[in-house]
Protein backbone atom coordinates (compact mmCIF):
# COMPACT_ATOMS: atom_id res chain seq x y z
CA MET A 1 133.10 89.48 82.09
CA ALA A 2 134.98 91.04 84.99
CA GLU A 3 133.03 91.93 88.09
CA ALA A 4 132.60 95.67 88.61
CA LYS A 5 134.41 97.27 91.51
CA ARG A 6 132.13 97.78 94.47
CA TYR A 7 132.21 100.83 96.71
CA ARG A 8 130.95 101.10 100.26
CA VAL A 9 128.19 103.71 100.51
CA LEU A 10 128.37 105.47 103.87
CA TRP A 11 126.06 108.15 105.22
CA THR A 12 127.49 111.03 107.22
CA ASP A 13 125.71 112.06 110.41
CA THR A 14 124.47 115.16 108.60
CA ALA A 15 122.99 113.12 105.74
CA GLN A 16 121.35 110.72 108.20
CA GLN A 17 119.86 113.71 110.02
CA ASP A 18 118.57 115.09 106.71
CA LEU A 19 116.91 111.74 105.98
CA THR A 20 115.37 111.59 109.44
CA GLU A 21 113.94 115.11 109.11
CA ILE A 22 112.47 114.34 105.68
CA VAL A 23 110.84 111.13 106.93
CA GLU A 24 109.52 112.73 110.12
CA CYS A 25 108.02 115.63 108.18
CA ILE A 26 106.26 113.36 105.68
CA ALA A 27 105.15 110.97 108.44
CA GLN A 28 103.05 113.75 109.97
CA ASP A 29 100.72 113.28 106.99
CA SER A 30 101.35 109.65 106.05
CA ILE A 31 103.59 107.01 107.59
CA ASP A 32 103.25 104.88 104.44
CA ASP A 33 104.42 107.77 102.24
CA ALA A 34 107.29 108.50 104.64
CA LEU A 35 108.50 104.89 104.51
CA ALA A 36 108.16 104.83 100.71
CA ILE A 37 110.29 107.98 100.41
CA LEU A 38 112.86 106.58 102.84
CA HIS A 39 113.18 103.40 100.76
CA LYS A 40 113.30 105.40 97.52
CA LEU A 41 116.15 107.61 98.75
CA GLU A 42 118.10 104.71 100.24
CA ALA A 43 117.70 102.68 97.04
CA LYS A 44 118.86 105.61 94.92
CA ALA A 45 121.99 106.04 97.05
CA ALA A 46 122.62 102.28 96.95
CA LEU A 47 123.08 102.56 93.16
CA LEU A 48 126.40 104.23 93.94
CA VAL A 49 127.82 100.88 95.10
CA THR A 50 128.80 99.97 91.55
CA LEU A 51 128.57 103.26 89.64
CA PRO A 52 129.73 106.05 91.97
CA ASN A 53 130.30 108.55 89.19
CA ARG A 54 126.79 108.26 87.77
CA GLY A 55 125.75 111.59 89.31
CA ARG A 56 126.49 115.05 88.04
CA ILE A 57 128.78 117.55 89.70
CA VAL A 58 126.69 119.87 91.90
CA PRO A 59 126.24 122.89 89.58
CA GLU A 60 126.05 125.52 92.32
CA LEU A 61 129.35 124.32 93.74
CA LEU A 62 131.02 123.91 90.37
CA HIS A 63 130.45 127.63 89.74
CA THR A 64 132.66 128.33 92.76
CA GLY A 65 135.37 125.89 91.63
CA ILE A 66 134.35 123.02 93.90
CA SER A 67 134.07 119.87 91.81
CA GLN A 68 134.44 116.95 94.22
CA TYR A 69 130.74 116.78 95.11
CA GLN A 70 128.23 115.01 92.91
CA GLU A 71 124.52 114.53 93.19
CA LEU A 72 121.76 112.16 92.28
CA ILE A 73 118.28 113.53 91.85
CA SER A 74 115.32 111.74 93.38
CA ALA A 75 112.78 114.50 92.92
CA PRO A 76 112.31 116.66 94.82
CA TRP A 77 115.47 115.66 96.73
CA ARG A 78 119.13 115.91 95.85
CA ILE A 79 121.49 113.30 97.28
CA VAL A 80 124.88 115.02 97.54
CA TYR A 81 127.94 112.79 97.83
CA ARG A 82 131.70 112.57 97.43
CA VAL A 83 133.60 109.63 95.93
CA GLU A 84 136.66 108.55 97.90
CA VAL A 85 139.00 105.58 97.57
CA GLY A 86 136.78 102.51 97.82
CA ARG A 87 133.82 104.35 99.27
CA VAL A 88 131.13 106.91 98.62
CA MET A 89 130.26 109.39 101.35
CA VAL A 90 126.67 110.65 101.24
CA MET A 91 127.04 114.19 102.57
CA ALA A 92 123.48 115.53 102.48
CA VAL A 93 119.94 115.00 101.26
CA LEU A 94 118.52 118.37 100.26
CA ASP A 95 115.19 119.62 99.01
CA SER A 96 115.76 120.77 95.42
CA ARG A 97 113.11 123.46 95.87
CA ARG A 98 115.42 125.31 98.25
CA ASP A 99 118.40 127.44 97.27
CA LEU A 100 121.46 125.23 97.83
CA GLN A 101 123.72 128.18 98.60
CA VAL A 102 121.38 129.35 101.38
CA VAL A 103 121.20 125.81 102.82
CA LEU A 104 124.98 125.47 102.82
CA LEU A 105 125.51 128.90 104.35
CA ASN A 106 123.07 128.03 107.13
CA ARG A 107 124.92 124.78 107.80
CA LEU A 108 128.32 126.45 107.87
CA ALA A 109 127.03 129.14 110.23
CA HIS A 110 126.09 126.57 112.90
């Protein structure tokens, strides 16, 4: 059986900042929970090494004609990424309880 192609999974500065903010927020209540969530999100993103197209296209973006971004759900977070040649770029880690369009507008405004 042929070995599956492997992709490099890279985190953008924005996605790393999202992860940091999530962990810091949870750590205010429980460092153990914060570390567990960190490992859960990192492990979920690591699955993209061999199966980068396992996620769905981000529905809110697809409605506007943007189809290059996919997401994995690790409730309540959404790991948003883009597949490129030989690599996967994790673009953001967002709280699924928030309106994605509002989050993106806020990011573009800064």
